[in-house]
C-alpha atoms as a PDB file:
ATOM      1  CA  UNK A   1      -0.042  -0.006  -0.049  1.00  0.00           C
ATOM      2  CA  UNK A   2       1.329   3.452  -0.928  1.00  0.00           C
ATOM      3  CA  UNK A   3       1.889   6.269   1.531  1.00  0.00           C
ATOM      4  CA  UNK A   4      -1.030   8.208  -0.115  1.00  0.00           C
ATOM      5  CA  UNK A   5      -3.256   5.167   0.186  1.00  0.00           C
ATOM      6  CA  UNK A   6      -2.527   4.935   3.917  1.00  0.00           C
ATOM      7  CA  UNK A   7      -3.323   8.593   4.389  1.00  0.00           C
ATOM      8  CA  UNK A   8      -6.564   8.146   2.588  1.00  0.00           C
ATOM      9  CA  UNK A   9      -7.369   5.071   4.721  1.00  0.00           C
ATOM     10  CA  UNK A  10      -6.602   6.891   7.981  1.00  0.00           C
ATOM     11  CA  UNK A  11      -8.773   9.810   7.079  1.00  0.00           C
ATOM     12  CA  UNK A  12     -11.781   7.606   6.125  1.00  0.00           C
ATOM     13  CA  UNK A  13     -11.315   5.436   9.178  1.00  0.00           C
ATOM     14  CA  UNK A  14     -11.340   8.567  11.354  1.00  0.00           C
ATOM     15  CA  UNK A  15     -14.332  10.028   9.634  1.00  0.00           C
ATOM     16  CA  UNK A  16     -16.610   7.040   9.317  1.00  0.00           C
ATOM     17  CA  UNK A  17     -15.354   4.072  11.504  1.00  0.00           C
ATOM     18  CA  UNK A  18     -16.186   1.858   8.542  1.00  0.00           C
ATOM     19  CA  UNK A  19     -17.130  -1.839   8.855  1.00  0.00           C
ATOM     20  CA  UNK A  20     -15.295  -2.521   5.611  1.00  0.00           C
ATOM     21  CA  UNK A  21     -12.688  -0.408   3.813  1.00  0.00           C
ATOM     22  CA  UNK A  22     -10.426  -0.989   0.798  1.00  0.00           C
ATOM     23  CA  UNK A  23      -8.231   1.725  -0.733  1.00  0.00           C
ATOM     24  CA  UNK A  24      -6.433   0.776  -3.966  1.00  0.00           C
ATOM     25  CA  UNK A  25      -3.808   2.877  -5.793  1.00  0.00           C
ATOM     26  CA  UNK A  26      -4.602   2.667  -9.509  1.00  0.00           C
ATOM     27  CA  UNK A  27      -2.067   5.419 -10.403  1.00  0.00           C
ATOM     28  CA  UNK A  28       0.153   2.897 -12.291  1.00  0.00           C
ATOM     29  CA  UNK A  29      -2.663   2.380 -14.850  1.00  0.00           C
ATOM     30  CA  UNK A  30      -2.676   6.118 -15.650  1.00  0.00           C
ATOM     31  CA  UNK A  31       0.973   6.861 -16.271  1.00  0.00           C
ATOM     32  CA  UNK A  32       1.327   9.291 -19.206  1.00  0.00           C
ATOM     33  CA  UNK A  33      -2.277  10.575 -18.940  1.00  0.00           C
ATOM     34  CA  UNK A  34      -2.597  14.343 -18.882  1.00  0.00           C
ATOM     35  CA  UNK A  35      -4.180  14.302 -15.422  1.00  0.00           C
ATOM     36  CA  UNK A  36      -1.260  12.281 -13.932  1.00  0.00           C
ATOM     37  CA  UNK A  37       1.347  14.844 -15.020  1.00  0.00           C
ATOM     38  CA  UNK A  38       1.109  16.819 -11.719  1.00  0.00           C
ATOM     39  CA  UNK A  39       1.941  13.722  -9.633  1.00  0.00           C
ATOM     40  CA  UNK A  40      -1.569  13.331  -8.081  1.00  0.00           C
ATOM     41  CA  UNK A  41      -2.830   9.809  -8.040  1.00  0.00           C
ATOM     42  CA  UNK A  42      -5.914   7.684  -9.064  1.00  0.00           C
ATOM     43  CA  UNK A  43      -7.519   5.620  -6.350  1.00  0.00           C
ATOM     44  CA  UNK A  44     -10.483   3.299  -5.868  1.00  0.00           C
ATOM     45  CA  UNK A  45     -12.233   3.337  -2.389  1.00  0.00           C
ATOM     46  CA  UNK A  46     -14.745   0.661  -1.250  1.00  0.00           C
ATOM     47  CA  UNK A  47     -16.325   1.548   2.030  1.00  0.00           C
ATOM     48  CA  UNK A  48     -19.202   0.353   4.094  1.00  0.00           C
ATOM     49  CA  UNK A  49     -20.171   2.325   7.148  1.00  0.00           C
ATOM     50  CA  UNK A  50     -23.246   3.133   9.243  1.00  0.00           C
ATOM     51  CA  UNK A  51     -22.877   6.811   8.257  1.00  0.00           C
ATOM     52  CA  UNK A  52     -24.010   5.911   4.836  1.00  0.00           C
ATOM     53  CA  UNK A  53     -27.116   4.091   5.853  1.00  0.00           C
ATOM     54  CA  UNK A  54     -30.227   5.439   4.002  1.00  0.00           C
ATOM     55  CA  UNK A  55     -28.248   7.942   1.988  1.00  0.00           C
ATOM     56  CA  UNK A  56     -28.158   8.188  -1.734  1.00  0.00           C
ATOM     57  CA  UNK A  57     -24.902   7.526  -3.655  1.00  0.00           C
ATOM     58  CA  UNK A  58     -24.347  11.221  -4.405  1.00  0.00           C
ATOM     59  CA  UNK A  59     -24.529  12.118  -0.706  1.00  0.00           C
ATOM     60  CA  UNK A  60     -22.223   9.325   0.158  1.00  0.00           C
ATOM     61  CA  UNK A  61     -19.714  10.555  -2.361  1.00  0.00           C
ATOM     62  CA  UNK A  62     -19.881  14.017  -1.073  1.00  0.00           C
ATOM     63  CA  UNK A  63     -19.304  12.820   2.414  1.00  0.00           C
ATOM     64  CA  UNK A  64     -16.110  10.917   1.298  1.00  0.00           C
ATOM     65  CA  UNK A  65     -14.869  13.993  -0.652  1.00  0.00           C
ATOM     66  CA  UNK A  66     -15.473  16.095   2.416  1.00  0.00           C
ATOM     67  CA  UNK A  67     -13.402  13.771   4.609  1.00  0.00           C
ATOM     68  CA  UNK A  68     -10.534  13.846   2.120  1.00  0.00           C
ATOM     69  CA  UNK A  69     -10.903  17.625   1.625  1.00  0.00           C
ATOM     70  CA  UNK A  70      -7.431  18.996   0.910  1.00  0.00           C
ATOM     71  CA  UNK A  71      -6.125  15.641  -0.454  1.00  0.00           C
ATOM     72  CA  UNK A  72      -8.406  16.274  -3.463  1.00  0.00           C
ATOM     73  CA  UNK A  73      -6.234  19.124  -4.533  1.00  0.00           C
ATOM     74  CA  UNK A  74      -2.771  17.820  -3.405  1.00  0.00           C
ATOM     75  CA  UNK A  75      -2.710  14.003  -3.711  1.00  0.00           C
ATOM     76  CA  UNK A  76      -5.788  12.741  -5.576  1.00  0.00           C
ATOM     77  CA  UNK A  77      -6.404  13.383  -9.258  1.00  0.00           C
ATOM     78  CA  UNK A  78      -9.246  10.744  -9.581  1.00  0.00           C
ATOM     79  CA  UNK A  79     -11.227   8.845  -7.019  1.00  0.00           C
ATOM     80  CA  UNK A  80     -13.606   6.024  -7.716  1.00  0.00           C
ATOM     81  CA  UNK A  81     -15.922   5.488  -4.875  1.00  0.00           C
ATOM     82  CA  UNK A  82     -18.114   2.497  -3.971  1.00  0.00           C
ATOM     83  CA  UNK A  83     -19.872   3.470  -0.763  1.00  0.00           C
ATOM     84  CA  UNK A  84     -22.735   1.839   1.071  1.00  0.00           C
ATOM     85  CA  UNK A  85     -24.427   1.677   4.371  1.00  0.00           C
ATOM     86  CA  UNK A  86     -23.867  -1.408   6.590  1.00  0.00           C
ATOM     87  CA  UNK A  87     -27.617  -2.258   6.384  1.00  0.00           C
ATOM     88  CA  UNK A  88     -27.349  -2.401   2.580  1.00  0.00           C
ATOM     89  CA  UNK A  89     -25.422  -5.625   2.168  1.00  0.00           C
END
C-alpha cells in the first residue's frame, strides 16, 4: 500500500469508522495521462459504514470528498468511490 493510500485510509477510518474499507492505488494504470502529469494519483475506495445508511450515492460521495478535503487538490487526481451503508449488504 502506498503512503497516499495509507493517508486516505486513515482519514476515512477517522471520519466513518467503517465496517469495511479498501483503498487501492490505481495510479500505475494512468502513467502518461494528462491528469497524472502533476503527480496526483488515481484511487479506488470501497467503504461500508453506518454513516451511509439510508443515504443516496451522491450524498455518500460528497461525504467521502469532504473527509478527504485537501487531499483532493494535493494528492488525488481521480477517485472512484463504492460507498454503502452497513444495512445495505
